[in-house]
Amino acid sequence: MDTRIAVIGIVVEQADSVEALNEILHEYRDYIIGRMGIPYRQKNLSIISIAVDAPQDMISALSGKVGKLPGVSSKTAYSAVKS
């Protein structure tokens, strides 16, 4: 199965959505290479980047589920490299 390398950028503006976000990320843990979270206290939000190596449909599903959470937005950048 072909996989793609991608980075999902997530901005969390509602702290109430953090638990649901962590549950989604846990669901896709086998595809996550690494995660970096930055709390931006002055603006009362968090910025998270997730590096993944997964099939295209899994990356799209993960990003879509995250983006549907209230007060959460996400964008995905894909590498041209397929493995």
PDB file of N, CA and C in Angstrom:
ATOM      1  N   MET A   1       0.842  -1.177   0.000  1.00  0.00           N
ATOM      2  CA  MET A   1       0.000   0.000   0.000  1.00  0.00           C
ATOM      3  C   MET A   1       0.893   1.248   0.000  1.00  0.00           C
ATOM      4  N   ASP A   2       0.633   2.169  -0.912  1.00  0.00           N
ATOM      5  CA  ASP A   2       1.398   3.413  -0.979  1.00  0.00           C
ATOM      6  C   ASP A   2       1.031   4.333   0.172  1.00  0.00           C
ATOM      7  N   THR A   3       2.049   4.948   0.732  1.00  0.00           N
ATOM      8  CA  THR A   3       1.810   5.934   1.780  1.00  0.00           C
ATOM      9  C   THR A   3       2.415   7.262   1.362  1.00  0.00           C
ATOM     10  N   ARG A   4       1.959   8.329   2.006  1.00  0.00           N
ATOM     11  CA  ARG A   4       2.471   9.666   1.753  1.00  0.00           C
ATOM     12  C   ARG A   4       2.959  10.258   3.062  1.00  0.00           C
ATOM     13  N   ILE A   5       3.915  11.145   2.935  1.00  0.00           N
ATOM     14  CA  ILE A   5       4.399  11.905   4.085  1.00  0.00           C
ATOM     15  C   ILE A   5       3.659  13.235   4.051  1.00  0.00           C
ATOM     16  N   ALA A   6       3.146  13.654   5.188  1.00  0.00           N
ATOM     17  CA  ALA A   6       2.410  14.916   5.244  1.00  0.00           C
ATOM     18  C   ALA A   6       2.568  15.546   6.616  1.00  0.00           C
ATOM     19  N   VAL A   7       2.301  16.841   6.651  1.00  0.00           N
ATOM     20  CA  VAL A   7       2.252  17.576   7.910  1.00  0.00           C
ATOM     21  C   VAL A   7       0.871  18.195   8.012  1.00  0.00           C
ATOM     22  N   ILE A   8       0.217  17.956   9.132  1.00  0.00           N
ATOM     23  CA  ILE A   8      -1.098  18.539   9.383  1.00  0.00           C
ATOM     24  C   ILE A   8      -0.918  19.653  10.406  1.00  0.00           C
ATOM     25  N   GLY A   9      -1.248  20.862  10.015  1.00  0.00           N
ATOM     26  CA  GLY A   9      -1.198  22.007  10.914  1.00  0.00           C
ATOM     27  C   GLY A   9      -2.558  22.222  11.541  1.00  0.00           C
ATOM     28  N   ILE A  10      -2.610  22.321  12.850  1.00  0.00           N
ATOM     29  CA  ILE A  10      -3.867  22.431  13.589  1.00  0.00           C
ATOM     30  C   ILE A  10      -3.821  23.656  14.488  1.00  0.00           C
ATOM     31  N   VAL A  11      -4.883  24.445  14.456  1.00  0.00           N
ATOM     32  CA  VAL A  11      -5.031  25.575  15.366  1.00  0.00           C
ATOM     33  C   VAL A  11      -6.265  25.312  16.223  1.00  0.00           C
ATOM     34  N   VAL A  12      -6.065  25.294  17.541  1.00  0.00           N
ATOM     35  CA  VAL A  12      -7.156  25.032  18.486  1.00  0.00           C
ATOM     36  C   VAL A  12      -7.510  26.339  19.186  1.00  0.00           C
ATOM     37  N   GLU A  13      -8.726  26.823  18.945  1.00  0.00           N
ATOM     38  CA  GLU A  13      -9.187  28.064  19.554  1.00  0.00           C
ATOM     39  C   GLU A  13     -10.168  27.823  20.697  1.00  0.00           C
ATOM     40  N   GLN A  14     -10.695  26.594  20.798  1.00  0.00           N
ATOM     41  CA  GLN A  14     -11.629  26.245  21.880  1.00  0.00           C
ATOM     42  C   GLN A  14     -11.034  25.100  22.701  1.00  0.00           C
ATOM     43  N   ALA A  15     -10.694  25.396  23.930  1.00  0.00           N
ATOM     44  CA  ALA A  15     -10.083  24.387  24.803  1.00  0.00           C
ATOM     45  C   ALA A  15     -11.015  23.188  25.033  1.00  0.00           C
ATOM     46  N   ASP A  16     -12.316  23.393  24.897  1.00  0.00           N
ATOM     47  CA  ASP A  16     -13.270  22.296  25.092  1.00  0.00           C
ATOM     48  C   ASP A  16     -13.086  21.172  24.071  1.00  0.00           C
ATOM     49  N   SER A  17     -12.445  21.463  22.946  1.00  0.00           N
ATOM     50  CA  SER A  17     -12.262  20.460  21.894  1.00  0.00           C
ATOM     51  C   SER A  17     -10.985  19.648  22.042  1.00  0.00           C
ATOM     52  N   VAL A  18     -10.151  19.969  23.017  1.00  0.00           N
ATOM     53  CA  VAL A  18      -8.844  19.309  23.155  1.00  0.00           C
ATOM     54  C   VAL A  18      -8.993  17.819  23.442  1.00  0.00           C
ATOM     55  N   GLU A  19      -9.911  17.453  24.304  1.00  0.00           N
ATOM     56  CA  GLU A  19     -10.077  16.031  24.631  1.00  0.00           C
ATOM     57  C   GLU A  19     -10.487  15.230  23.393  1.00  0.00           C
ATOM     58  N   ALA A  20     -11.440  15.740  22.626  1.00  0.00           N
ATOM     59  CA  ALA A  20     -11.873  15.056  21.404  1.00  0.00           C
ATOM     60  C   ALA A  20     -10.736  15.001  20.387  1.00  0.00           C
ATOM     61  N   LEU A  21      -9.952  16.067  20.291  1.00  0.00           N
ATOM     62  CA  LEU A  21      -8.800  16.083  19.384  1.00  0.00           C
ATOM     63  C   LEU A  21      -7.802  15.006  19.774  1.00  0.00           C
ATOM     64  N   ASN A  22      -7.489  14.891  21.043  1.00  0.00           N
ATOM     65  CA  ASN A  22      -6.552  13.865  21.497  1.00  0.00           C
ATOM     66  C   ASN A  22      -7.068  12.456  21.238  1.00  0.00           C
ATOM     67  N   GLU A  23      -8.369  12.252  21.337  1.00  0.00           N
ATOM     68  CA  GLU A  23      -8.954  10.940  21.032  1.00  0.00           C
ATOM     69  C   GLU A  23      -8.771  10.600  19.552  1.00  0.00           C
ATOM     70  N   ILE A  24      -8.980  11.579  18.679  1.00  0.00           N
ATOM     71  CA  ILE A  24      -8.790  11.353  17.240  1.00  0.00           C
ATOM     72  C   ILE A  24      -7.329  11.041  16.946  1.00  0.00           C
ATOM     73  N   LEU A  25      -6.419  11.808  17.524  1.00  0.00           N
ATOM     74  CA  LEU A  25      -5.000  11.563  17.291  1.00  0.00           C
ATOM     75  C   LEU A  25      -4.583  10.185  17.810  1.00  0.00           C
ATOM     76  N   HIS A  26      -5.157   9.780  18.927  1.00  0.00           N
ATOM     77  CA  HIS A  26      -4.871   8.447  19.470  1.00  0.00           C
ATOM     78  C   HIS A  26      -5.362   7.355  18.505  1.00  0.00           C
ATOM     79  N   GLU A  27      -6.499   7.591  17.881  1.00  0.00           N
ATOM     80  CA  GLU A  27      -7.072   6.640  16.923  1.00  0.00           C
ATOM     81  C   GLU A  27      -6.114   6.428  15.736  1.00  0.00           C
ATOM     82  N   TYR A  28      -5.381   7.467  15.343  1.00  0.00           N
ATOM     83  CA  TYR A  28      -4.480   7.401  14.192  1.00  0.00           C
ATOM     84  C   TYR A  28      -3.008   7.292  14.605  1.00  0.00           C
ATOM     85  N   ARG A  29      -2.751   6.882  15.832  1.00  0.00           N
ATOM     86  CA  ARG A  29      -1.399   6.861  16.388  1.00  0.00           C
ATOM     87  C   ARG A  29      -0.418   6.021  15.575  1.00  0.00           C
ATOM     88  N   ASP A  30      -0.876   4.984  14.896  1.00  0.00           N
ATOM     89  CA  ASP A  30       0.024   4.126  14.123  1.00  0.00           C
ATOM     90  C   ASP A  30       0.624   4.853  12.924  1.00  0.00           C
ATOM     91  N   TYR A  31      -0.003   5.936  12.492  1.00  0.00           N
ATOM     92  CA  TYR A  31       0.463   6.678  11.322  1.00  0.00           C
ATOM     93  C   TYR A  31       1.238   7.942  11.691  1.00  0.00           C
ATOM     94  N   ILE A  32       1.204   8.317  12.957  1.00  0.00           N
ATOM     95  CA  ILE A  32       1.839   9.563  13.385  1.00  0.00           C
ATOM     96  C   ILE A  32       3.333   9.342  13.632  1.00  0.00           C
ATOM     97  N   ILE A  33       4.150  10.138  12.931  1.00  0.00           N
ATOM     98  CA  ILE A  33       5.603  10.081  13.097  1.00  0.00           C
ATOM     99  C   ILE A  33       6.009  10.913  14.305  1.00  0.00           C
ATOM    100  N   GLY A  34       5.421  12.083  14.423  1.00  0.00           N
ATOM    101  CA  GLY A  34       5.754  12.975  15.527  1.00  0.00           C
ATOM    102  C   GLY A  34       4.726  14.078  15.660  1.00  0.00           C
ATOM    103  N   ARG A  35       4.784  14.743  16.806  1.00  0.00           N
ATOM    104  CA  ARG A  35       3.802  15.770  17.125  1.00  0.00           C
ATOM    105  C   ARG A  35       4.484  16.886  17.902  1.00  0.00           C
ATOM    106  N   MET A  36       4.147  18.124  17.567  1.00  0.00           N
ATOM    107  CA  MET A  36       4.677  19.264  18.307  1.00  0.00           C
ATOM    108  C   MET A  36       3.512  20.202  18.620  1.00  0.00           C
ATOM    109  N   GLY A  37       3.382  20.548  19.888  1.00  0.00           N
ATOM    110  CA  GLY A  37       2.325  21.456  20.308  1.00  0.00           C
ATOM    111  C   GLY A  37       2.902  22.708  20.939  1.00  0.00           C
ATOM    112  N   ILE A  38       2.348  23.845  20.573  1.00  0.00           N
ATOM    113  CA  ILE A  38       2.813  25.121  21.111  1.00  0.00           C
ATOM    114  C   ILE A  38       1.620  25.869  21.692  1.00  0.00           C
ATOM    115  N   PRO A  39       1.580  26.048  23.004  1.00  0.00           N
ATOM    116  CA  PRO A  39       0.510  26.869  23.577  1.00  0.00           C
ATOM    117  C   PRO A  39       0.843  28.349  23.375  1.00  0.00           C
ATOM    118  N   TYR A  40      -0.078  29.082  22.789  1.00  0.00           N
ATOM    119  CA  TYR A  40       0.109  30.517  22.561  1.00  0.00           C
ATOM    120  C   TYR A  40      -0.807  31.239  23.538  1.00  0.00           C
ATOM    121  N   ARG A  41      -0.339  31.382  24.761  1.00  0.00           N
ATOM    122  CA  ARG A  41      -1.157  31.881  25.863  1.00  0.00           C
ATOM    123  C   ARG A  41      -1.666  33.299  25.643  1.00  0.00           C
ATOM    124  N   GLN A  42      -0.849  34.152  25.007  1.00  0.00           N
ATOM    125  CA  GLN A  42      -1.268  35.538  24.782  1.00  0.00           C
ATOM    126  C   GLN A  42      -2.515  35.624  23.907  1.00  0.00           C
ATOM    127  N   LYS A  43      -2.687  34.665  22.997  1.00  0.00           N
ATOM    128  CA  LYS A  43      -3.851  34.647  22.100  1.00  0.00           C
ATOM    129  C   LYS A  43      -4.887  33.610  22.522  1.00  0.00           C
ATOM    130  N   ASN A  44      -4.606  32.877  23.611  1.00  0.00           N
ATOM    131  CA  ASN A  44      -5.517  31.866  24.139  1.00  0.00           C
ATOM    132  C   ASN A  44      -5.838  30.777  23.101  1.00  0.00           C
ATOM    133  N   LEU A  45      -4.799  30.280  22.439  1.00  0.00           N
ATOM    134  CA  LEU A  45      -4.979  29.191  21.487  1.00  0.00           C
ATOM    135  C   LEU A  45      -3.743  28.302  21.481  1.00  0.00           C
ATOM    136  N   SER A  46      -3.846  27.187  20.803  1.00  0.00           N
ATOM    137  CA  SER A  46      -2.727  26.253  20.681  1.00  0.00           C
ATOM    138  C   SER A  46      -2.489  25.945  19.213  1.00  0.00           C
ATOM    139  N   ILE A  47      -1.220  25.767  18.887  1.00  0.00           N
ATOM    140  CA  ILE A  47      -0.820  25.428  17.527  1.00  0.00           C
ATOM    141  C   ILE A  47      -0.145  24.063  17.597  1.00  0.00           C
ATOM    142  N   ILE A  48      -0.618  23.136  16.777  1.00  0.00           N
ATOM    143  CA  ILE A  48      -0.107  21.770  16.800  1.00  0.00           C
ATOM    144  C   ILE A  48       0.284  21.373  15.379  1.00  0.00           C
ATOM    145  N   SER A  49       1.426  20.716  15.245  1.00  0.00           N
ATOM    146  CA  SER A  49       1.793  20.136  13.951  1.00  0.00           C
ATOM    147  C   SER A  49       1.972  18.632  14.141  1.00  0.00           C
ATOM    148  N   ILE A  50       1.416  17.894  13.196  1.00  0.00           N
ATOM    149  CA  ILE A  50       1.457  16.442  13.233  1.00  0.00           C
ATOM    150  C   ILE A  50       2.126  15.952  11.950  1.00  0.00           C
ATOM    151  N   ALA A  51       3.223  15.215  12.072  1.00  0.00           N
ATOM    152  CA  ALA A  51       3.873  14.598  10.916  1.00  0.00           C
ATOM    153  C   ALA A  51       3.341  13.173  10.794  1.00  0.00           C
ATOM    154  N   VAL A  52       2.894  12.808   9.592  1.00  0.00           N
ATOM    155  CA  VAL A  52       2.308  11.480   9.380  1.00  0.00           C
ATOM    156  C   VAL A  52       2.908  10.798   8.159  1.00  0.00           C
ATOM    157  N   ASP A  53       2.896   9.484   8.190  1.00  0.00           N
ATOM    158  CA  ASP A  53       3.252   8.634   7.057  1.00  0.00           C
ATOM    159  C   ASP A  53       2.109   7.631   6.952  1.00  0.00           C
ATOM    160  N   ALA A  54       1.217   7.870   5.987  1.00  0.00           N
ATOM    161  CA  ALA A  54      -0.016   7.085   5.933  1.00  0.00           C
ATOM    162  C   ALA A  54      -0.563   7.066   4.506  1.00  0.00           C
ATOM    163  N   PRO A  55      -1.489   6.148   4.225  1.00  0.00           N
ATOM    164  CA  PRO A  55      -2.180   6.191   2.941  1.00  0.00           C
ATOM    165  C   PRO A  55      -2.951   7.515   2.810  1.00  0.00           C
ATOM    166  N   GLN A  56      -3.088   7.972   1.579  1.00  0.00           N
ATOM    167  CA  GLN A  56      -3.760   9.240   1.296  1.00  0.00           C
ATOM    168  C   GLN A  56      -5.130   9.330   1.964  1.00  0.00           C
ATOM    169  N   ASP A  57      -5.906   8.264   1.903  1.00  0.00           N
ATOM    170  CA  ASP A  57      -7.259   8.312   2.473  1.00  0.00           C
ATOM    171  C   ASP A  57      -7.239   8.443   3.994  1.00  0.00           C
ATOM    172  N   MET A  58      -6.231   7.867   4.637  1.00  0.00           N
ATOM    173  CA  MET A  58      -6.114   7.987   6.101  1.00  0.00           C
ATOM    174  C   MET A  58      -5.759   9.417   6.498  1.00  0.00           C
ATOM    175  N   ILE A  59      -4.860  10.033   5.742  1.00  0.00           N
ATOM    176  CA  ILE A  59      -4.481  11.416   6.034  1.00  0.00           C
ATOM    177  C   ILE A  59      -5.683  12.332   5.865  1.00  0.00           C
ATOM    178  N   SER A  60      -6.428  12.132   4.784  1.00  0.00           N
ATOM    179  CA  SER A  60      -7.622  12.951   4.540  1.00  0.00           C
ATOM    180  C   SER A  60      -8.669  12.754   5.630  1.00  0.00           C
ATOM    181  N   ALA A  61      -8.855  11.511   6.058  1.00  0.00           N
ATOM    182  CA  ALA A  61      -9.829  11.218   7.109  1.00  0.00           C
ATOM    183  C   ALA A  61      -9.425  11.877   8.424  1.00  0.00           C
ATOM    184  N   LEU A  62      -8.153  11.775   8.777  1.00  0.00           N
ATOM    185  CA  LEU A  62      -7.654  12.387  10.003  1.00  0.00           C
ATOM    186  C   LEU A  62      -7.848  13.898   9.966  1.00  0.00           C
ATOM    187  N   SER A  63      -7.406  14.527   8.908  1.00  0.00           N
ATOM    188  CA  SER A  63      -7.528  15.980   8.787  1.00  0.00           C
ATOM    189  C   SER A  63      -8.989  16.416   8.785  1.00  0.00           C
ATOM    190  N   GLY A  64      -9.839  15.661   8.124  1.00  0.00           N
ATOM    191  CA  GLY A  64     -11.264  15.983   8.080  1.00  0.00           C
ATOM    192  C   GLY A  64     -11.931  15.893   9.440  1.00  0.00           C
ATOM    193  N   LYS A  65     -11.631  14.841  10.181  1.00  0.00           N
ATOM    194  CA  LYS A  65     -12.205  14.689  11.524  1.00  0.00           C
ATOM    195  C   LYS A  65     -11.749  15.812  12.447  1.00  0.00           C
ATOM    196  N   VAL A  66     -10.465  16.155  12.361  1.00  0.00           N
ATOM    197  CA  VAL A  66      -9.932  17.225  13.200  1.00  0.00           C
ATOM    198  C   VAL A  66     -10.598  18.550  12.849  1.00  0.00           C
ATOM    199  N   GLY A  67     -10.731  18.834  11.561  1.00  0.00           N
ATOM    200  CA  GLY A  67     -11.308  20.094  11.109  1.00  0.00           C
ATOM    201  C   GLY A  67     -12.775  20.262  11.439  1.00  0.00           C
ATOM    202  N   LYS A  68     -13.475  19.174  11.730  1.00  0.00           N
ATOM    203  CA  LYS A  68     -14.903  19.250  12.079  1.00  0.00           C
ATOM    204  C   LYS A  68     -15.143  19.578  13.548  1.00  0.00           C
ATOM    205  N   LEU A  69     -14.092  19.523  14.355  1.00  0.00           N
ATOM    206  CA  LEU A  69     -14.251  19.832  15.780  1.00  0.00           C
ATOM    207  C   LEU A  69     -14.525  21.324  15.951  1.00  0.00           C
ATOM    208  N   PRO A  70     -15.399  21.681  16.892  1.00  0.00           N
ATOM    209  CA  PRO A  70     -15.689  23.095  17.123  1.00  0.00           C
ATOM    210  C   PRO A  70     -14.451  23.863  17.578  1.00  0.00           C
ATOM    211  N   GLY A  71     -14.183  24.992  16.932  1.00  0.00           N
ATOM    212  CA  GLY A  71     -13.066  25.829  17.320  1.00  0.00           C
ATOM    213  C   GLY A  71     -11.711  25.285  16.926  1.00  0.00           C
ATOM    214  N   VAL A  72     -11.692  24.333  15.988  1.00  0.00           N
ATOM    215  CA  VAL A  72     -10.441  23.733  15.529  1.00  0.00           C
ATOM    216  C   VAL A  72     -10.378  23.832  14.008  1.00  0.00           C
ATOM    217  N   SER A  73      -9.231  24.256  13.495  1.00  0.00           N
ATOM    218  CA  SER A  73      -9.044  24.267  12.042  1.00  0.00           C
ATOM    219  C   SER A  73      -7.772  23.506  11.704  1.00  0.00           C
ATOM    220  N   SER A  74      -7.740  22.923  10.506  1.00  0.00           N
ATOM    221  CA  SER A  74      -6.565  22.154  10.097  1.00  0.00           C
ATOM    222  C   SER A  74      -6.323  22.307   8.606  1.00  0.00           C
ATOM    223  N   LYS A  75      -5.057  22.226   8.250  1.00  0.00           N
ATOM    224  CA  LYS A  75      -4.623  22.231   6.851  1.00  0.00           C
ATOM    225  C   LYS A  75      -3.528  21.194   6.712  1.00  0.00           C
ATOM    226  N   THR A  76      -3.458  20.576   5.544  1.00  0.00           N
ATOM    227  CA  THR A  76      -2.486  19.521   5.320  1.00  0.00           C
ATOM    228  C   THR A  76      -1.565  19.889   4.171  1.00  0.00           C
ATOM    229  N   ALA A  77      -0.280  19.670   4.366  1.00  0.00           N
ATOM    230  CA  ALA A  77       0.725  19.842   3.318  1.00  0.00           C
ATOM    231  C   ALA A  77       1.340  18.476   3.041  1.00  0.00           C
ATOM    232  N   TYR A  78       1.317  18.068   1.774  1.00  0.00           N
ATOM    233  CA  TYR A  78       1.819  16.755   1.375  1.00  0.00           C
ATOM    234  C   TYR A  78       3.192  16.843   0.737  1.00  0.00           C
ATOM    235  N   SER A  79       4.002  15.841   0.996  1.00  0.00           N
ATOM    236  CA  SER A  79       5.276  15.688   0.309  1.00  0.00           C
ATOM    237  C   SER A  79       5.000  15.051  -1.050  1.00  0.00           C
ATOM    238  N   ALA A  80       5.857  15.332  -2.011  1.00  0.00           N
ATOM    239  CA  ALA A  80       5.736  14.688  -3.325  1.00  0.00           C
ATOM    240  C   ALA A  80       6.219  13.248  -3.277  1.00  0.00           C
ATOM    241  N   VAL A  81       6.939  12.885  -2.217  1.00  0.00           N
ATOM    242  CA  VAL A  81       7.505  11.542  -2.084  1.00  0.00           C
ATOM    243  C   VAL A  81       6.423  10.556  -1.668  1.00  0.00           C
ATOM    244  N   LYS A  82       6.324   9.470  -2.400  1.00  0.00           N
ATOM    245  CA  LYS A  82       5.424   8.369  -2.020  1.00  0.00           C
ATOM    246  C   LYS A  82       6.296   7.193  -1.623  1.00  0.00           C
ATOM    247  N   SER A  83       5.820   6.433  -0.627  1.00  0.00           N
ATOM    248  CA  SER A  83       6.591   5.264  -0.208  1.00  0.00           C
ATOM    249  C   SER A  83       5.751   4.013  -0.277  1.00  0.00           C
TER     250      SER A  83
END
